[in-house]
Amino acid sequence: LITKHRKSKDIVEEAIRCKLKILQNDGVVTSLCARPRKTGHALFLLGGQTFMCDKLYLVDQKAKEIIPKADIPSPRKEFSACAIGCKVYITGGRGSENGVSKDVWVYDTLHEEWSKAAPMLVARFGHGSAELKHCLYVVGGHTAATGCLPASPSVSLKQ
């Protein structure tokens, strides 16, 4: 974000308003700035960076509201999320008592249900994930024992 740019400030202020609405459990947040790039695309809001969260919301841009969806099976923070096709993958993060997870959960947007996938090779939090040619890659982050993970060959991280 460019701090001196008015549009950037507006986006940050709107994000803060959305977070406050969600924390107040109002269920509906209006006037979101995120816009799908194509018809058929959806925007999901999930998780927490500084607090554990098990909530998943779908942003309905046409109705200008946020719709609660199926809760994440295991509350967590500092995880990563990535969409591949009609599925959203969440990986790792910190769970109860700040335990570091190697869990991978998959949300099927068509059937609106969660399922557990094969775990990551290394438990981590504060990492990133991305899709390339329909494969999920998880990189970087931190572990409970060793701290920061260096860059690793993607072959060992491919799930």
N, C-alpha and C. Protein backbone atom coordinates (compact mmCIF):
# COMPACT_ATOMS: atom_id res chain seq x y z
N LEU A 1 0.83 -1.19 0.00
CA LEU A 1 0.00 0.00 0.00
C LEU A 1 0.87 1.24 0.00
N ILE A 2 0.40 2.23 -0.68
CA ILE A 2 1.09 3.52 -0.69
C ILE A 2 0.43 4.38 0.37
N THR A 3 1.16 4.69 1.43
CA THR A 3 0.56 5.33 2.59
C THR A 3 0.04 6.74 2.33
N LYS A 4 0.59 7.42 1.36
CA LYS A 4 0.13 8.79 1.10
C LYS A 4 -0.98 8.84 0.06
N HIS A 5 -1.36 7.71 -0.47
CA HIS A 5 -2.40 7.65 -1.50
C HIS A 5 -3.77 7.49 -0.83
N ARG A 6 -4.71 8.33 -1.14
CA ARG A 6 -6.03 8.33 -0.49
C ARG A 6 -6.76 7.00 -0.68
N LYS A 7 -6.68 6.42 -1.87
CA LYS A 7 -7.37 5.15 -2.15
C LYS A 7 -6.84 4.05 -1.22
N SER A 8 -5.53 4.03 -0.98
CA SER A 8 -4.94 3.04 -0.07
C SER A 8 -5.48 3.21 1.34
N LYS A 9 -5.56 4.45 1.80
CA LYS A 9 -6.09 4.71 3.14
C LYS A 9 -7.55 4.25 3.23
N ASP A 10 -8.33 4.50 2.17
CA ASP A 10 -9.73 4.08 2.15
C ASP A 10 -9.84 2.56 2.27
N ILE A 11 -8.97 1.84 1.56
CA ILE A 11 -9.00 0.38 1.60
C ILE A 11 -8.69 -0.12 3.01
N VAL A 12 -7.67 0.44 3.64
CA VAL A 12 -7.31 0.03 5.00
C VAL A 12 -8.44 0.33 5.98
N GLU A 13 -9.02 1.52 5.88
CA GLU A 13 -10.13 1.87 6.78
C GLU A 13 -11.32 0.94 6.58
N GLU A 14 -11.60 0.58 5.34
CA GLU A 14 -12.71 -0.33 5.07
C GLU A 14 -12.43 -1.72 5.62
N ALA A 15 -11.19 -2.19 5.50
CA ALA A 15 -10.81 -3.50 6.05
C ALA A 15 -10.97 -3.51 7.56
N ILE A 16 -10.60 -2.43 8.21
CA ILE A 16 -10.75 -2.34 9.67
C ILE A 16 -12.23 -2.37 10.05
N ARG A 17 -13.06 -1.65 9.31
CA ARG A 17 -14.52 -1.66 9.58
C ARG A 17 -15.08 -3.08 9.42
N CYS A 18 -14.65 -3.79 8.37
CA CYS A 18 -15.12 -5.16 8.15
C CYS A 18 -14.72 -6.06 9.31
N LYS A 19 -13.46 -5.95 9.73
CA LYS A 19 -12.99 -6.80 10.83
C LYS A 19 -13.79 -6.53 12.10
N LEU A 20 -14.05 -5.26 12.39
CA LEU A 20 -14.84 -4.93 13.58
C LEU A 20 -16.25 -5.50 13.49
N LYS A 21 -16.87 -5.43 12.30
CA LYS A 21 -18.21 -5.99 12.13
C LYS A 21 -18.21 -7.49 12.36
N ILE A 22 -17.19 -8.17 11.81
CA ILE A 22 -17.10 -9.62 11.97
C ILE A 22 -16.90 -9.97 13.45
N LEU A 23 -16.03 -9.24 14.13
CA LEU A 23 -15.78 -9.50 15.55
C LEU A 23 -17.03 -9.25 16.40
N GLN A 24 -17.90 -8.35 15.94
CA GLN A 24 -19.14 -8.06 16.66
C GLN A 24 -20.23 -9.07 16.31
N ASN A 25 -19.91 -10.01 15.40
CA ASN A 25 -20.86 -11.03 14.96
C ASN A 25 -22.13 -10.45 14.37
N ASP A 26 -22.01 -9.33 13.66
CA ASP A 26 -23.18 -8.75 13.00
C ASP A 26 -23.64 -9.60 11.81
N GLY A 27 -22.73 -10.41 11.25
CA GLY A 27 -23.10 -11.30 10.16
C GLY A 27 -23.11 -10.66 8.80
N VAL A 28 -23.44 -9.39 8.70
CA VAL A 28 -23.51 -8.73 7.40
C VAL A 28 -22.61 -7.51 7.41
N VAL A 29 -21.73 -7.45 6.44
CA VAL A 29 -20.85 -6.30 6.26
C VAL A 29 -21.09 -5.77 4.86
N THR A 30 -21.39 -4.50 4.74
CA THR A 30 -21.67 -3.93 3.42
C THR A 30 -20.50 -3.11 2.91
N SER A 31 -20.54 -2.78 1.64
CA SER A 31 -19.60 -1.88 0.99
C SER A 31 -18.17 -2.39 0.98
N LEU A 32 -17.98 -3.63 0.57
CA LEU A 32 -16.62 -4.17 0.45
C LEU A 32 -15.99 -3.69 -0.85
N CYS A 33 -14.71 -3.44 -0.82
CA CYS A 33 -14.03 -2.94 -2.01
C CYS A 33 -13.55 -4.07 -2.92
N ALA A 34 -13.44 -5.30 -2.42
CA ALA A 34 -12.95 -6.39 -3.24
C ALA A 34 -13.97 -6.74 -4.31
N ARG A 35 -13.51 -6.89 -5.53
CA ARG A 35 -14.38 -7.21 -6.65
C ARG A 35 -13.83 -8.45 -7.37
N PRO A 36 -14.68 -9.43 -7.64
CA PRO A 36 -14.20 -10.59 -8.41
C PRO A 36 -13.73 -10.13 -9.79
N ARG A 37 -12.68 -10.78 -10.31
CA ARG A 37 -12.16 -10.40 -11.63
C ARG A 37 -13.04 -10.91 -12.76
N LYS A 38 -13.70 -12.03 -12.55
CA LYS A 38 -14.56 -12.61 -13.58
C LYS A 38 -15.85 -13.07 -12.91
N THR A 39 -16.88 -13.23 -13.72
CA THR A 39 -18.09 -13.80 -13.16
C THR A 39 -17.80 -15.24 -12.77
N GLY A 40 -18.43 -15.67 -11.71
CA GLY A 40 -18.20 -17.02 -11.23
C GLY A 40 -17.12 -17.11 -10.17
N HIS A 41 -16.30 -16.07 -10.06
CA HIS A 41 -15.28 -16.06 -9.01
C HIS A 41 -15.91 -15.63 -7.70
N ALA A 42 -15.35 -16.08 -6.62
CA ALA A 42 -15.87 -15.74 -5.30
C ALA A 42 -14.73 -15.29 -4.41
N LEU A 43 -15.07 -14.49 -3.41
CA LEU A 43 -14.09 -14.05 -2.43
C LEU A 43 -14.50 -14.61 -1.08
N PHE A 44 -13.58 -15.36 -0.46
CA PHE A 44 -13.82 -15.91 0.87
C PHE A 44 -12.95 -15.18 1.88
N LEU A 45 -13.52 -14.91 3.04
CA LEU A 45 -12.78 -14.33 4.16
C LEU A 45 -12.66 -15.42 5.22
N LEU A 46 -11.45 -15.63 5.73
CA LEU A 46 -11.29 -16.68 6.73
C LEU A 46 -10.09 -16.40 7.62
N GLY A 47 -10.18 -16.97 8.82
CA GLY A 47 -9.06 -17.02 9.71
C GLY A 47 -8.71 -15.78 10.48
N GLY A 48 -7.55 -15.87 11.14
CA GLY A 48 -7.06 -14.77 11.94
C GLY A 48 -5.55 -14.75 11.94
N GLN A 49 -4.99 -13.55 12.05
CA GLN A 49 -3.54 -13.44 12.14
C GLN A 49 -3.10 -13.36 13.59
N THR A 50 -3.83 -12.60 14.39
CA THR A 50 -3.44 -12.41 15.79
C THR A 50 -4.36 -13.13 16.76
N PHE A 51 -5.43 -13.74 16.28
CA PHE A 51 -6.35 -14.46 17.14
C PHE A 51 -6.81 -15.72 16.42
N MET A 52 -7.11 -16.77 17.19
CA MET A 52 -7.59 -18.01 16.57
C MET A 52 -9.01 -17.81 16.09
N CYS A 53 -9.29 -18.37 14.93
CA CYS A 53 -10.61 -18.19 14.33
C CYS A 53 -10.99 -19.45 13.58
N ASP A 54 -12.26 -19.78 13.62
CA ASP A 54 -12.75 -20.92 12.85
C ASP A 54 -13.86 -20.51 11.89
N LYS A 55 -13.93 -19.23 11.57
CA LYS A 55 -15.01 -18.71 10.73
C LYS A 55 -14.60 -18.63 9.27
N LEU A 56 -15.58 -18.87 8.40
CA LEU A 56 -15.42 -18.74 6.95
C LEU A 56 -16.62 -17.97 6.44
N TYR A 57 -16.37 -16.95 5.63
CA TYR A 57 -17.43 -16.12 5.07
C TYR A 57 -17.26 -16.02 3.57
N LEU A 58 -18.38 -15.95 2.86
CA LEU A 58 -18.40 -15.70 1.42
C LEU A 58 -18.86 -14.27 1.21
N VAL A 59 -18.12 -13.51 0.41
CA VAL A 59 -18.52 -12.15 0.08
C VAL A 59 -19.43 -12.22 -1.14
N ASP A 60 -20.68 -11.80 -0.97
CA ASP A 60 -21.63 -11.72 -2.08
C ASP A 60 -21.62 -10.28 -2.57
N GLN A 61 -20.88 -10.04 -3.65
CA GLN A 61 -20.70 -8.68 -4.14
C GLN A 61 -22.01 -8.08 -4.66
N LYS A 62 -22.84 -8.90 -5.31
CA LYS A 62 -24.10 -8.37 -5.85
C LYS A 62 -25.04 -7.92 -4.74
N ALA A 63 -25.17 -8.74 -3.70
CA ALA A 63 -26.06 -8.40 -2.59
C ALA A 63 -25.37 -7.48 -1.58
N LYS A 64 -24.07 -7.29 -1.76
CA LYS A 64 -23.27 -6.44 -0.86
C LYS A 64 -23.40 -6.91 0.60
N GLU A 65 -23.13 -8.21 0.78
CA GLU A 65 -23.17 -8.75 2.14
C GLU A 65 -22.15 -9.86 2.29
N ILE A 66 -21.89 -10.21 3.53
CA ILE A 66 -21.01 -11.32 3.84
C ILE A 66 -21.86 -12.44 4.43
N ILE A 67 -21.72 -13.64 3.84
CA ILE A 67 -22.55 -14.77 4.21
C ILE A 67 -21.71 -15.79 4.98
N PRO A 68 -22.09 -16.13 6.22
CA PRO A 68 -21.36 -17.15 6.97
C PRO A 68 -21.46 -18.50 6.28
N LYS A 69 -20.36 -19.23 6.24
CA LYS A 69 -20.31 -20.57 5.66
C LYS A 69 -19.88 -21.55 6.75
N ALA A 70 -19.63 -22.81 6.36
CA ALA A 70 -19.25 -23.85 7.33
C ALA A 70 -17.97 -23.47 8.06
N ASP A 71 -17.99 -23.59 9.39
CA ASP A 71 -16.82 -23.26 10.20
C ASP A 71 -15.63 -24.15 9.85
N ILE A 72 -14.43 -23.59 9.96
CA ILE A 72 -13.21 -24.37 9.79
C ILE A 72 -13.19 -25.39 10.93
N PRO A 73 -12.92 -26.69 10.64
CA PRO A 73 -13.00 -27.72 11.68
C PRO A 73 -12.12 -27.49 12.90
N SER A 74 -10.99 -26.85 12.72
CA SER A 74 -10.06 -26.64 13.83
C SER A 74 -9.64 -25.17 13.86
N PRO A 75 -10.02 -24.42 14.91
CA PRO A 75 -9.65 -23.00 14.96
C PRO A 75 -8.13 -22.83 14.89
N ARG A 76 -7.70 -21.79 14.20
CA ARG A 76 -6.26 -21.57 14.04
C ARG A 76 -5.97 -20.13 13.69
N LYS A 77 -4.71 -19.78 13.74
CA LYS A 77 -4.24 -18.47 13.31
C LYS A 77 -2.91 -18.67 12.57
N GLU A 78 -2.49 -17.67 11.84
CA GLU A 78 -1.22 -17.67 11.12
C GLU A 78 -1.08 -18.85 10.16
N PHE A 79 -2.18 -19.25 9.52
CA PHE A 79 -2.15 -20.30 8.52
C PHE A 79 -2.13 -19.67 7.14
N SER A 80 -2.15 -20.49 6.12
CA SER A 80 -2.16 -20.00 4.75
C SER A 80 -3.35 -20.62 4.03
N ALA A 81 -3.89 -19.89 3.05
CA ALA A 81 -5.02 -20.40 2.28
C ALA A 81 -4.75 -20.19 0.80
N CYS A 82 -5.25 -21.13 -0.01
CA CYS A 82 -5.07 -21.05 -1.45
C CYS A 82 -6.24 -21.77 -2.13
N ALA A 83 -6.75 -21.18 -3.21
CA ALA A 83 -7.84 -21.80 -3.96
C ALA A 83 -7.28 -22.52 -5.18
N ILE A 84 -7.79 -23.72 -5.41
CA ILE A 84 -7.48 -24.47 -6.62
C ILE A 84 -8.81 -24.98 -7.15
N GLY A 85 -9.21 -24.49 -8.29
CA GLY A 85 -10.52 -24.85 -8.84
C GLY A 85 -11.61 -24.38 -7.90
N CYS A 86 -12.50 -25.29 -7.52
CA CYS A 86 -13.62 -24.95 -6.63
C CYS A 86 -13.34 -25.34 -5.18
N LYS A 87 -12.07 -25.50 -4.84
CA LYS A 87 -11.70 -25.88 -3.48
C LYS A 87 -10.74 -24.87 -2.88
N VAL A 88 -10.89 -24.64 -1.57
CA VAL A 88 -10.00 -23.75 -0.84
C VAL A 88 -9.21 -24.61 0.15
N TYR A 89 -7.89 -24.52 0.08
CA TYR A 89 -7.00 -25.29 0.94
C TYR A 89 -6.45 -24.38 2.03
N ILE A 90 -6.51 -24.83 3.28
CA ILE A 90 -5.82 -24.11 4.35
C ILE A 90 -4.76 -25.05 4.92
N THR A 91 -3.59 -24.48 5.18
CA THR A 91 -2.45 -25.28 5.60
C THR A 91 -1.84 -24.73 6.87
N GLY A 92 -1.47 -25.65 7.77
CA GLY A 92 -0.71 -25.30 8.96
C GLY A 92 -1.34 -24.28 9.86
N GLY A 93 -0.48 -23.47 10.46
CA GLY A 93 -0.93 -22.44 11.39
C GLY A 93 -0.72 -22.88 12.83
N ARG A 94 -1.16 -22.02 13.72
CA ARG A 94 -1.11 -22.32 15.16
C ARG A 94 -2.51 -22.64 15.63
N GLY A 95 -2.61 -23.70 16.42
CA GLY A 95 -3.89 -24.10 16.96
C GLY A 95 -3.97 -23.83 18.44
N SER A 96 -4.68 -24.70 19.15
CA SER A 96 -4.84 -24.52 20.59
C SER A 96 -3.49 -24.53 21.29
N GLU A 97 -3.36 -23.68 22.29
CA GLU A 97 -2.13 -23.54 23.07
C GLU A 97 -0.91 -23.28 22.19
N ASN A 98 -1.12 -22.59 21.07
CA ASN A 98 -0.07 -22.22 20.12
C ASN A 98 0.68 -23.41 19.53
N GLY A 99 0.08 -24.60 19.54
CA GLY A 99 0.69 -25.74 18.88
C GLY A 99 0.75 -25.51 17.38
N VAL A 100 1.87 -25.87 16.75
CA VAL A 100 2.04 -25.67 15.31
C VAL A 100 1.50 -26.90 14.59
N SER A 101 0.74 -26.65 13.52
CA SER A 101 0.03 -27.72 12.82
C SER A 101 0.63 -28.01 11.45
N LYS A 102 0.53 -29.28 11.05
CA LYS A 102 0.85 -29.62 9.66
C LYS A 102 -0.40 -30.09 8.93
N ASP A 103 -1.56 -29.85 9.54
CA ASP A 103 -2.83 -30.21 8.93
C ASP A 103 -3.08 -29.45 7.63
N VAL A 104 -3.78 -30.12 6.73
CA VAL A 104 -4.28 -29.49 5.50
C VAL A 104 -5.78 -29.78 5.45
N TRP A 105 -6.58 -28.72 5.43
CA TRP A 105 -8.03 -28.85 5.34
C TRP A 105 -8.48 -28.30 3.99
N VAL A 106 -9.51 -28.94 3.42
CA VAL A 106 -10.01 -28.55 2.10
C VAL A 106 -11.49 -28.21 2.21
N TYR A 107 -11.85 -27.00 1.75
CA TYR A 107 -13.25 -26.60 1.72
C TYR A 107 -13.75 -26.72 0.29
N ASP A 108 -14.74 -27.58 0.09
CA ASP A 108 -15.36 -27.77 -1.22
C ASP A 108 -16.47 -26.73 -1.35
N THR A 109 -16.27 -25.74 -2.22
CA THR A 109 -17.24 -24.65 -2.34
C THR A 109 -18.54 -25.08 -2.98
N LEU A 110 -18.53 -26.18 -3.73
CA LEU A 110 -19.77 -26.66 -4.35
C LEU A 110 -20.66 -27.39 -3.35
N HIS A 111 -20.05 -28.22 -2.51
CA HIS A 111 -20.82 -29.00 -1.52
C HIS A 111 -20.83 -28.34 -0.15
N GLU A 112 -20.09 -27.24 0.00
CA GLU A 112 -20.03 -26.48 1.25
C GLU A 112 -19.68 -27.35 2.45
N GLU A 113 -18.58 -28.12 2.30
CA GLU A 113 -18.14 -28.96 3.40
C GLU A 113 -16.62 -29.05 3.44
N TRP A 114 -16.10 -29.32 4.63
CA TRP A 114 -14.66 -29.45 4.85
C TRP A 114 -14.26 -30.92 4.86
N SER A 115 -13.05 -31.20 4.40
CA SER A 115 -12.48 -32.54 4.53
C SER A 115 -10.99 -32.38 4.83
N LYS A 116 -10.42 -33.40 5.45
CA LYS A 116 -9.00 -33.35 5.80
C LYS A 116 -8.20 -34.01 4.68
N ALA A 117 -7.12 -33.35 4.26
CA ALA A 117 -6.23 -33.89 3.22
C ALA A 117 -4.96 -34.43 3.88
N ALA A 118 -4.06 -34.96 3.07
CA ALA A 118 -2.77 -35.44 3.59
C ALA A 118 -2.04 -34.28 4.26
N PRO A 119 -1.38 -34.53 5.39
CA PRO A 119 -0.70 -33.44 6.10
C PRO A 119 0.55 -32.97 5.34
N MET A 120 1.01 -31.78 5.67
CA MET A 120 2.27 -31.28 5.12
C MET A 120 3.42 -32.10 5.71
N LEU A 121 4.57 -32.04 5.08
CA LEU A 121 5.74 -32.75 5.57
C LEU A 121 6.29 -32.11 6.84
N VAL A 122 6.14 -30.79 6.97
CA VAL A 122 6.67 -30.04 8.11
C VAL A 122 5.57 -29.16 8.68
N ALA A 123 5.35 -29.21 9.99
CA ALA A 123 4.39 -28.31 10.64
C ALA A 123 4.95 -26.89 10.58
N ARG A 124 4.09 -25.91 10.22
CA ARG A 124 4.57 -24.54 10.09
C ARG A 124 3.46 -23.53 10.29
N PHE A 125 3.87 -22.29 10.55
CA PHE A 125 2.94 -21.17 10.65
C PHE A 125 3.61 -19.95 10.03
N GLY A 126 2.82 -18.97 9.65
CA GLY A 126 3.37 -17.76 9.05
C GLY A 126 3.98 -18.00 7.68
N HIS A 127 3.51 -19.00 6.98
CA HIS A 127 4.04 -19.41 5.68
C HIS A 127 3.16 -18.89 4.54
N GLY A 128 3.52 -19.23 3.34
CA GLY A 128 2.71 -18.88 2.17
C GLY A 128 2.34 -20.12 1.39
N SER A 129 1.29 -20.01 0.59
CA SER A 129 0.91 -21.12 -0.28
C SER A 129 0.43 -20.56 -1.61
N ALA A 130 0.62 -21.35 -2.65
CA ALA A 130 0.23 -20.91 -3.99
C ALA A 130 -0.08 -22.12 -4.85
N GLU A 131 -0.82 -21.88 -5.91
CA GLU A 131 -1.18 -22.93 -6.87
C GLU A 131 -0.37 -22.72 -8.13
N LEU A 132 0.17 -23.80 -8.67
CA LEU A 132 0.85 -23.77 -9.96
C LEU A 132 0.51 -25.05 -10.68
N LYS A 133 -0.12 -24.94 -11.83
CA LYS A 133 -0.52 -26.10 -12.63
C LYS A 133 -1.31 -27.10 -11.80
N HIS A 134 -2.27 -26.61 -11.05
CA HIS A 134 -3.19 -27.40 -10.23
C HIS A 134 -2.51 -28.16 -9.09
N CYS A 135 -1.31 -27.73 -8.69
CA CYS A 135 -0.63 -28.31 -7.53
C CYS A 135 -0.49 -27.24 -6.46
N LEU A 136 -0.61 -27.66 -5.22
CA LEU A 136 -0.47 -26.75 -4.08
C LEU A 136 0.98 -26.76 -3.61
N TYR A 137 1.56 -25.57 -3.48
CA TYR A 137 2.92 -25.42 -2.97
C TYR A 137 2.86 -24.60 -1.69
N VAL A 138 3.56 -25.06 -0.67
CA VAL A 138 3.64 -24.36 0.61
C VAL A 138 5.11 -24.06 0.88
N VAL A 139 5.42 -22.79 1.16
CA VAL A 139 6.82 -22.40 1.33
C VAL A 139 7.00 -21.48 2.53
N GLY A 140 8.21 -21.54 3.08
CA GLY A 140 8.61 -20.60 4.13
C GLY A 140 7.88 -20.80 5.44
N GLY A 141 7.83 -19.74 6.21
CA GLY A 141 7.16 -19.77 7.50
C GLY A 141 8.10 -20.12 8.64
N HIS A 142 7.50 -20.55 9.74
CA HIS A 142 8.25 -20.86 10.96
C HIS A 142 7.80 -22.22 11.49
N THR A 143 8.70 -22.88 12.22
CA THR A 143 8.35 -24.11 12.92
C THR A 143 8.50 -23.86 14.41
N ALA A 144 7.93 -24.75 15.20
CA ALA A 144 8.03 -24.59 16.66
C ALA A 144 9.47 -24.78 17.13
N ALA A 145 10.20 -25.70 16.50
CA ALA A 145 11.55 -26.04 16.98
C ALA A 145 12.66 -25.21 16.35
N THR A 146 12.61 -25.01 15.05
CA THR A 146 13.76 -24.41 14.36
C THR A 146 13.57 -22.95 13.99
N GLY A 147 12.42 -22.41 14.21
CA GLY A 147 12.20 -21.01 13.83
C GLY A 147 11.92 -20.88 12.35
N CYS A 148 12.55 -19.92 11.70
CA CYS A 148 12.27 -19.59 10.31
C CYS A 148 12.73 -20.69 9.37
N LEU A 149 11.87 -21.07 8.41
CA LEU A 149 12.23 -22.07 7.41
C LEU A 149 12.84 -21.37 6.21
N PRO A 150 14.00 -21.82 5.75
CA PRO A 150 14.57 -21.23 4.54
C PRO A 150 13.80 -21.71 3.32
N ALA A 151 14.11 -21.13 2.18
CA ALA A 151 13.51 -21.60 0.93
C ALA A 151 13.88 -23.06 0.75
N SER A 152 12.94 -23.86 0.28
CA SER A 152 13.17 -25.28 0.08
C SER A 152 12.82 -25.65 -1.34
N PRO A 153 13.41 -26.72 -1.87
CA PRO A 153 13.01 -27.16 -3.21
C PRO A 153 11.52 -27.48 -3.21
N SER A 154 10.81 -27.02 -4.22
CA SER A 154 9.35 -27.19 -4.24
C SER A 154 8.95 -28.65 -4.30
N VAL A 155 9.82 -29.52 -4.84
CA VAL A 155 9.50 -30.93 -4.93
C VAL A 155 9.19 -31.50 -3.55
N SER A 156 9.93 -31.09 -2.52
CA SER A 156 9.70 -31.64 -1.18
C SER A 156 8.46 -31.05 -0.52
N LEU A 157 7.94 -29.96 -1.07
CA LEU A 157 6.78 -29.31 -0.47
C LEU A 157 5.50 -29.59 -1.22
N LYS A 158 5.61 -30.19 -2.39
CA LYS A 158 4.44 -30.45 -3.23
C LYS A 158 3.55 -31.48 -2.56
N GLN A 159 2.26 -31.16 -2.41
CA GLN A 159 1.33 -32.08 -1.76
C GLN A 159 0.37 -32.64 -2.78
